[in-house]
Amino acid sequence: RPPRRRPPTASPWLVGVVALAVSASADAANFAWPGAAPCNGTLQACIDGVGTDDRIRVGSEGPIDQDLNIARSLRLEARPGYRPRLAAGRRITAAGNGAQALDLRLRGFVLDSGNVEITRNRAGATTLSLQDLEINTAPGREGLRISTSGSGVLNLTIENLAIAVDGMAGTDPRAALRLAHGSSGLLDGVVGFVHVGAAGLGAAATI
């Protein structure tokens, strides 16, 4: 009878990598809004109440009559089967001014007469993922504006956006989507499947 082969053993390096990955993912938590505390009040209270890197799944069609402000790494996304809509004139803003890395994921929202604006003014890695958004801009505003500075790396994913702008004159400095990367750091990412339409006469820069 041939000798039985012993199963291969994982190397100590590989075991260490797996343990690190499990530990990192275990730190994040999933929340539903509306849901249990801290997500049993307004959506902004839920955003303020969860931890860094946590995920909030929004199970409401709205309209959600709140401006949403995000100040740290977070995942904010529509729950499957829902298309959360903010009330007319409401907007989403995010600002990462701390030294720690910023990882922000936003997915599946509709904004009527609103916009999304993200500002990052400190060194440190920044990861932004903006997907499946529908933005009808407010008069005088850009649909999506991202402004970064500092020496950190910016990793950017913008996919599947529909932006409708109000009638803008040809000399209007606004754009439907604007990325201002005034930084000594690196910019790496992708912008794809962005549809821009106009809600009135006029012309201006698209991206």
C-alpha atoms as a PDB file:
ATOM      1  CA  ARG A   1       0.000   0.000   0.000  1.00  0.00           C
ATOM      2  CA  PRO A   2       1.454   3.407  -0.895  1.00  0.00           C
ATOM      3  CA  PRO A   3       2.079   5.742   2.034  1.00  0.00           C
ATOM      4  CA  ARG A   4      -0.642   8.273   2.826  1.00  0.00           C
ATOM      5  CA  ARG A   5       0.203  11.827   1.824  1.00  0.00           C
ATOM      6  CA  ARG A   6      -0.035  14.469   4.456  1.00  0.00           C
ATOM      7  CA  PRO A   7      -2.167  17.509   3.522  1.00  0.00           C
ATOM      8  CA  PRO A   8      -0.124  20.623   2.769  1.00  0.00           C
ATOM      9  CA  THR A   9       0.228  23.066   5.600  1.00  0.00           C
ATOM     10  CA  ALA A  10      -0.170  26.808   5.154  1.00  0.00           C
ATOM     11  CA  SER A  11       2.934  28.851   5.545  1.00  0.00           C
ATOM     12  CA  PRO A  12       3.176  31.102   8.623  1.00  0.00           C
ATOM     13  CA  TRP A  13       3.186  34.118   6.287  1.00  0.00           C
ATOM     14  CA  LEU A  14      -0.101  33.082   4.663  1.00  0.00           C
ATOM     15  CA  VAL A  15      -1.726  32.384   8.037  1.00  0.00           C
ATOM     16  CA  GLY A  16      -0.705  35.841   9.185  1.00  0.00           C
ATOM     17  CA  VAL A  17      -2.236  37.496   6.111  1.00  0.00           C
ATOM     18  CA  VAL A  18      -5.542  35.652   6.550  1.00  0.00           C
ATOM     19  CA  ALA A  19      -5.724  36.550  10.219  1.00  0.00           C
ATOM     20  CA  LEU A  20      -5.085  40.192   9.397  1.00  0.00           C
ATOM     21  CA  ALA A  21      -7.846  40.227   6.764  1.00  0.00           C
ATOM     22  CA  VAL A  22     -10.378  38.670   9.141  1.00  0.00           C
ATOM     23  CA  SER A  23      -9.473  41.122  11.882  1.00  0.00           C
ATOM     24  CA  ALA A  24      -9.873  44.133   9.583  1.00  0.00           C
ATOM     25  CA  SER A  25     -13.292  43.060   8.267  1.00  0.00           C
ATOM     26  CA  ALA A  26     -14.515  42.212  11.753  1.00  0.00           C
ATOM     27  CA  ASP A  27     -14.100  45.836  12.820  1.00  0.00           C
ATOM     28  CA  ALA A  28     -16.827  47.066  10.435  1.00  0.00           C
ATOM     29  CA  ALA A  29     -20.531  46.600  11.139  1.00  0.00           C
ATOM     30  CA  ASN A  30     -23.693  46.665   9.031  1.00  0.00           C
ATOM     31  CA  PHE A  31     -26.698  48.814   9.903  1.00  0.00           C
ATOM     32  CA  ALA A  32     -30.131  49.279   8.372  1.00  0.00           C
ATOM     33  CA  TRP A  33     -32.052  52.544   8.202  1.00  0.00           C
ATOM     34  CA  PRO A  34     -34.741  52.727   9.405  1.00  0.00           C
ATOM     35  CA  GLY A  35     -33.702  50.191  12.008  1.00  0.00           C
ATOM     36  CA  ALA A  36     -32.460  49.685  15.525  1.00  0.00           C
ATOM     37  CA  ALA A  37     -30.473  52.304  17.424  1.00  0.00           C
ATOM     38  CA  PRO A  38     -28.536  54.329  16.462  1.00  0.00           C
ATOM     39  CA  CYS A  39     -30.532  54.191  13.224  1.00  0.00           C
ATOM     40  CA  ASN A  40     -34.018  54.556  14.734  1.00  0.00           C
ATOM     41  CA  GLY A  41     -34.150  58.343  14.197  1.00  0.00           C
ATOM     42  CA  THR A  42     -33.139  60.468  11.228  1.00  0.00           C
ATOM     43  CA  LEU A  43     -30.712  59.208   8.615  1.00  0.00           C
ATOM     44  CA  GLN A  44     -28.232  61.913   9.643  1.00  0.00           C
ATOM     45  CA  ALA A  45     -28.420  60.673  13.259  1.00  0.00           C
ATOM     46  CA  CYS A  46     -27.697  57.180  11.952  1.00  0.00           C
ATOM     47  CA  ILE A  47     -24.674  58.454  10.008  1.00  0.00           C
ATOM     48  CA  ASP A  48     -23.398  60.240  13.113  1.00  0.00           C
ATOM     49  CA  GLY A  49     -24.040  57.261  15.375  1.00  0.00           C
ATOM     50  CA  VAL A  50     -22.328  54.408  13.557  1.00  0.00           C
ATOM     51  CA  GLY A  51     -18.602  53.769  13.615  1.00  0.00           C
ATOM     52  CA  THR A  52     -15.854  54.500  11.126  1.00  0.00           C
ATOM     53  CA  ASP A  53     -15.922  52.139   8.120  1.00  0.00           C
ATOM     54  CA  ASP A  54     -19.399  50.857   8.968  1.00  0.00           C
ATOM     55  CA  ARG A  55     -22.054  50.302   6.307  1.00  0.00           C
ATOM     56  CA  ILE A  56     -25.587  51.723   6.303  1.00  0.00           C
ATOM     57  CA  ARG A  57     -28.178  50.215   3.982  1.00  0.00           C
ATOM     58  CA  VAL A  58     -31.093  52.561   3.392  1.00  0.00           C
ATOM     59  CA  GLY A  59     -34.447  50.817   2.979  1.00  0.00           C
ATOM     60  CA  SER A  60     -36.626  53.802   2.146  1.00  0.00           C
ATOM     61  CA  GLU A  61     -37.857  55.392  -1.063  1.00  0.00           C
ATOM     62  CA  GLY A  62     -38.161  58.734   0.698  1.00  0.00           C
ATOM     63  CA  PRO A  63     -38.338  61.549   0.084  1.00  0.00           C
ATOM     64  CA  ILE A  64     -35.726  61.964   2.820  1.00  0.00           C
ATOM     65  CA  ASP A  65     -36.024  65.581   3.900  1.00  0.00           C
ATOM     66  CA  GLN A  66     -32.497  66.041   5.257  1.00  0.00           C
ATOM     67  CA  ASP A  67     -29.128  67.298   4.126  1.00  0.00           C
ATOM     68  CA  LEU A  68     -26.633  64.476   4.681  1.00  0.00           C
ATOM     69  CA  ASN A  69     -23.144  65.273   5.950  1.00  0.00           C
ATOM     70  CA  ILE A  70     -20.427  62.625   6.252  1.00  0.00           C
ATOM     71  CA  ALA A  71     -17.239  63.315   8.201  1.00  0.00           C
ATOM     72  CA  ARG A  72     -15.360  59.985   8.128  1.00  0.00           C
ATOM     73  CA  SER A  73     -14.981  56.689   6.286  1.00  0.00           C
ATOM     74  CA  LEU A  74     -18.404  55.171   5.654  1.00  0.00           C
ATOM     75  CA  ARG A  75     -20.475  53.110   3.240  1.00  0.00           C
ATOM     76  CA  LEU A  76     -23.901  54.562   2.533  1.00  0.00           C
ATOM     77  CA  GLU A  77     -25.922  52.628   0.010  1.00  0.00           C
ATOM     78  CA  ALA A  78     -29.423  51.699  -1.065  1.00  0.00           C
ATOM     79  CA  ARG A  79     -30.803  48.477   0.269  1.00  0.00           C
ATOM     80  CA  PRO A  80     -31.551  46.027  -2.596  1.00  0.00           C
ATOM     81  CA  GLY A  81     -34.976  46.814  -4.042  1.00  0.00           C
ATOM     82  CA  TYR A  82     -34.938  50.464  -2.886  1.00  0.00           C
ATOM     83  CA  ARG A  83     -34.008  53.742  -4.553  1.00  0.00           C
ATOM     84  CA  PRO A  84     -33.623  56.334  -1.753  1.00  0.00           C
ATOM     85  CA  ARG A  85     -34.605  59.842  -2.864  1.00  0.00           C
ATOM     86  CA  LEU A  86     -33.714  63.046  -1.060  1.00  0.00           C
ATOM     87  CA  ALA A  87     -36.336  65.804  -0.875  1.00  0.00           C
ATOM     88  CA  ALA A  88     -35.997  68.666  -3.352  1.00  0.00           C
ATOM     89  CA  GLY A  89     -33.099  70.974  -2.527  1.00  0.00           C
ATOM     90  CA  ARG A  90     -31.345  68.503  -0.218  1.00  0.00           C
ATOM     91  CA  ARG A  91     -27.709  67.573  -0.798  1.00  0.00           C
ATOM     92  CA  ILE A  92     -24.956  65.216   0.306  1.00  0.00           C
ATOM     93  CA  THR A  93     -21.641  66.626   1.509  1.00  0.00           C
ATOM     94  CA  ALA A  94     -18.544  64.915   2.856  1.00  0.00           C
ATOM     95  CA  ALA A  95     -15.376  66.397   4.281  1.00  0.00           C
ATOM     96  CA  GLY A  96     -12.280  64.478   5.333  1.00  0.00           C
ATOM     97  CA  ASN A  97      -9.987  66.865   7.171  1.00  0.00           C
ATOM     98  CA  GLY A  98      -8.354  64.457   9.601  1.00  0.00           C
ATOM     99  CA  ALA A  99      -4.954  62.825   9.157  1.00  0.00           C
ATOM    100  CA  GLN A 100      -6.442  59.332   8.905  1.00  0.00           C
ATOM    101  CA  ALA A 101      -7.349  57.742   5.576  1.00  0.00           C
ATOM    102  CA  LEU A 102     -10.786  58.446   4.115  1.00  0.00           C
ATOM    103  CA  ASP A 103     -12.764  55.646   2.452  1.00  0.00           C
ATOM    104  CA  LEU A 104     -16.214  56.766   1.316  1.00  0.00           C
ATOM    105  CA  ARG A 105     -18.696  54.663  -0.678  1.00  0.00           C
ATOM    106  CA  LEU A 106     -22.000  56.164  -1.873  1.00  0.00           C
ATOM    107  CA  ARG A 107     -24.427  54.165  -3.981  1.00  0.00           C
ATOM    108  CA  GLY A 108     -27.999  54.173  -5.241  1.00  0.00           C
ATOM    109  CA  PHE A 109     -29.348  57.634  -4.289  1.00  0.00           C
ATOM    110  CA  VAL A 110     -31.510  60.119  -6.188  1.00  0.00           C
ATOM    111  CA  LEU A 111     -31.162  63.879  -5.592  1.00  0.00           C
ATOM    112  CA  ASP A 112     -33.773  66.357  -6.842  1.00  0.00           C
ATOM    113  CA  SER A 113     -32.508  69.915  -7.237  1.00  0.00           C
ATOM    114  CA  GLY A 114     -29.461  68.957  -5.182  1.00  0.00           C
ATOM    115  CA  ASN A 115     -25.837  67.910  -5.539  1.00  0.00           C
ATOM    116  CA  VAL A 116     -22.977  65.898  -4.060  1.00  0.00           C
ATOM    117  CA  GLU A 117     -19.818  67.639  -2.856  1.00  0.00           C
ATOM    118  CA  ILE A 118     -16.732  65.987  -1.346  1.00  0.00           C
ATOM    119  CA  THR A 119     -13.767  67.906   0.085  1.00  0.00           C
ATOM    120  CA  ARG A 120     -10.475  66.463   1.313  1.00  0.00           C
ATOM    121  CA  ASN A 121      -7.813  68.884   2.554  1.00  0.00           C
ATOM    122  CA  ARG A 122      -5.307  66.690   4.387  1.00  0.00           C
ATOM    123  CA  ALA A 123      -2.581  64.188   3.577  1.00  0.00           C
ATOM    124  CA  GLY A 124      -3.477  60.532   3.696  1.00  0.00           C
ATOM    125  CA  ALA A 125      -5.010  58.039   1.297  1.00  0.00           C
ATOM    126  CA  THR A 126      -8.469  58.876  -0.039  1.00  0.00           C
ATOM    127  CA  THR A 127     -10.728  56.265  -1.636  1.00  0.00           C
ATOM    128  CA  LEU A 128     -14.011  57.391  -3.192  1.00  0.00           C
ATOM    129  CA  SER A 129     -16.576  55.127  -4.837  1.00  0.00           C
ATOM    130  CA  LEU A 130     -19.674  56.864  -6.232  1.00  0.00           C
ATOM    131  CA  GLN A 131     -22.017  54.561  -8.123  1.00  0.00           C
ATOM    132  CA  ASP A 132     -25.596  54.397  -9.395  1.00  0.00           C
ATOM    133  CA  LEU A 133     -26.478  58.008  -8.577  1.00  0.00           C
ATOM    134  CA  GLU A 134     -29.115  60.205 -10.208  1.00  0.00           C
ATOM    135  CA  ILE A 135     -28.546  63.926  -9.669  1.00  0.00           C
ATOM    136  CA  ASN A 136     -30.812  66.722 -10.879  1.00  0.00           C
ATOM    137  CA  THR A 137     -28.804  69.811 -10.056  1.00  0.00           C
ATOM    138  CA  ALA A 138     -30.043  72.847  -8.207  1.00  0.00           C
ATOM    139  CA  PRO A 139     -29.731  76.196  -9.999  1.00  0.00           C
ATOM    140  CA  GLY A 140     -26.221  77.555  -9.499  1.00  0.00           C
ATOM    141  CA  ARG A 141     -24.708  74.241  -8.384  1.00  0.00           C
ATOM    142  CA  GLU A 142     -22.598  71.553  -9.983  1.00  0.00           C
ATOM    143  CA  GLY A 143     -23.963  68.019  -9.904  1.00  0.00           C
ATOM    144  CA  LEU A 144     -20.904  66.316  -8.454  1.00  0.00           C
ATOM    145  CA  ARG A 145     -17.830  68.164  -7.205  1.00  0.00           C
ATOM    146  CA  ILE A 146     -14.749  66.531  -5.724  1.00  0.00           C
ATOM    147  CA  SER A 147     -11.995  68.789  -4.402  1.00  0.00           C
ATOM    148  CA  THR A 148      -8.797  67.363  -2.904  1.00  0.00           C
ATOM    149  CA  SER A 149      -5.440  68.713  -1.807  1.00  0.00           C
ATOM    150  CA  GLY A 150      -2.515  67.372   0.162  1.00  0.00           C
ATOM    151  CA  SER A 151       0.069  64.680  -0.519  1.00  0.00           C
ATOM    152  CA  GLY A 152      -2.089  61.553  -0.253  1.00  0.00           C
ATOM    153  CA  VAL A 153      -3.147  59.171  -3.001  1.00  0.00           C
ATOM    154  CA  LEU A 154      -6.668  59.592  -4.407  1.00  0.00           C
ATOM    155  CA  ASN A 155      -8.294  56.377  -5.624  1.00  0.00           C
ATOM    156  CA  LEU A 156     -11.492  57.228  -7.470  1.00  0.00           C
ATOM    157  CA  THR A 157     -14.353  55.199  -8.947  1.00  0.00           C
ATOM    158  CA  ILE A 158     -17.290  57.025 -10.567  1.00  0.00           C
ATOM    159  CA  GLU A 159     -19.691  54.759 -12.435  1.00  0.00           C
ATOM    160  CA  ASN A 160     -23.288  54.734 -13.636  1.00  0.00           C
ATOM    161  CA  LEU A 161     -24.248  58.353 -12.958  1.00  0.00           C
ATOM    162  CA  ALA A 162     -27.069  60.341 -14.528  1.00  0.00           C
ATOM    163  CA  ILE A 163     -26.700  64.106 -14.082  1.00  0.00           C
ATOM    164  CA  ALA A 164     -29.247  66.637 -15.334  1.00  0.00           C
ATOM    165  CA  VAL A 165     -28.093  70.269 -15.203  1.00  0.00           C
ATOM    166  CA  ASP A 166     -30.227  73.385 -15.331  1.00  0.00           C
ATOM    167  CA  GLY A 167     -29.855  75.729 -18.314  1.00  0.00           C
ATOM    168  CA  MET A 168     -26.377  77.233 -18.031  1.00  0.00           C
ATOM    169  CA  ALA A 169     -24.884  79.984 -20.131  1.00  0.00           C
ATOM    170  CA  GLY A 170     -21.874  79.229 -22.294  1.00  0.00           C
ATOM    171  CA  THR A 171     -19.609  81.276 -20.038  1.00  0.00           C
ATOM    172  CA  ASP A 172     -20.801  79.580 -16.847  1.00  0.00           C
ATOM    173  CA  PRO A 173     -17.750  78.217 -14.942  1.00  0.00           C
ATOM    174  CA  ARG A 174     -19.735  75.304 -13.534  1.00  0.00           C
ATOM    175  CA  ALA A 175     -19.590  71.731 -14.803  1.00  0.00           C
ATOM    176  CA  ALA A 176     -21.931  68.793 -14.364  1.00  0.00           C
ATOM    177  CA  LEU A 177     -19.042  66.814 -12.842  1.00  0.00           C
ATOM    178  CA  ARG A 178     -15.869  68.474 -11.593  1.00  0.00           C
ATOM    179  CA  LEU A 179     -12.716  66.970 -10.122  1.00  0.00           C
ATOM    180  CA  ALA A 180     -10.258  69.483  -8.671  1.00  0.00           C
ATOM    181  CA  HIS A 181      -7.095  67.645  -7.620  1.00  0.00           C
ATOM    182  CA  GLY A 182      -4.743  70.379  -6.469  1.00  0.00           C
ATOM    183  CA  SER A 183      -2.326  67.987  -4.824  1.00  0.00           C
ATOM    184  CA  SER A 184       1.215  66.679  -4.962  1.00  0.00           C
ATOM    185  CA  GLY A 185      -0.156  63.174  -4.473  1.00  0.00           C
ATOM    186  CA  LEU A 186      -1.188  60.620  -7.065  1.00  0.00           C
ATOM    187  CA  LEU A 187      -4.591  60.334  -8.733  1.00  0.00           C
ATOM    188  CA  ASP A 188      -5.720  56.911  -9.886  1.00  0.00           C
ATOM    189  CA  GLY A 189      -9.168  55.796 -10.883  1.00  0.00           C
ATOM    190  CA  VAL A 190     -11.918  55.477 -13.430  1.00  0.00           C
ATOM    191  CA  VAL A 191     -14.875  57.559 -14.586  1.00  0.00           C
ATOM    192  CA  GLY A 192     -17.313  55.628 -16.726  1.00  0.00           C
ATOM    193  CA  PHE A 193     -20.935  55.417 -17.845  1.00  0.00           C
ATOM    194  CA  VAL A 194     -21.830  58.998 -16.950  1.00  0.00           C
ATOM    195  CA  HIS A 195     -24.871  60.436 -18.741  1.00  0.00           C
ATOM    196  CA  VAL A 196     -25.312  64.211 -18.710  1.00  0.00           C
ATOM    197  CA  GLY A 197     -28.493  65.932 -19.839  1.00  0.00           C
ATOM    198  CA  ALA A 198     -29.849  69.484 -19.687  1.00  0.00           C
ATOM    199  CA  ALA A 199     -33.041  70.663 -18.056  1.00  0.00           C
ATOM    200  CA  GLY A 200     -33.053  73.923 -20.024  1.00  0.00           C
ATOM    201  CA  LEU A 201     -31.345  75.951 -22.734  1.00  0.00           C
ATOM    202  CA  GLY A 202     -27.676  76.803 -22.418  1.00  0.00           C
ATOM    203  CA  ALA A 203     -24.327  75.067 -22.505  1.00  0.00           C
ATOM    204  CA  ALA A 204     -21.381  74.515 -20.199  1.00  0.00           C
ATOM    205  CA  ALA A 205     -18.592  72.052 -19.534  1.00  0.00           C
ATOM    206  CA  THR A 206     -19.767  68.500 -18.938  1.00  0.00           C
ATOM    207  CA  ILE A 207     -16.824  66.988 -17.059  1.00  0.00           C
END
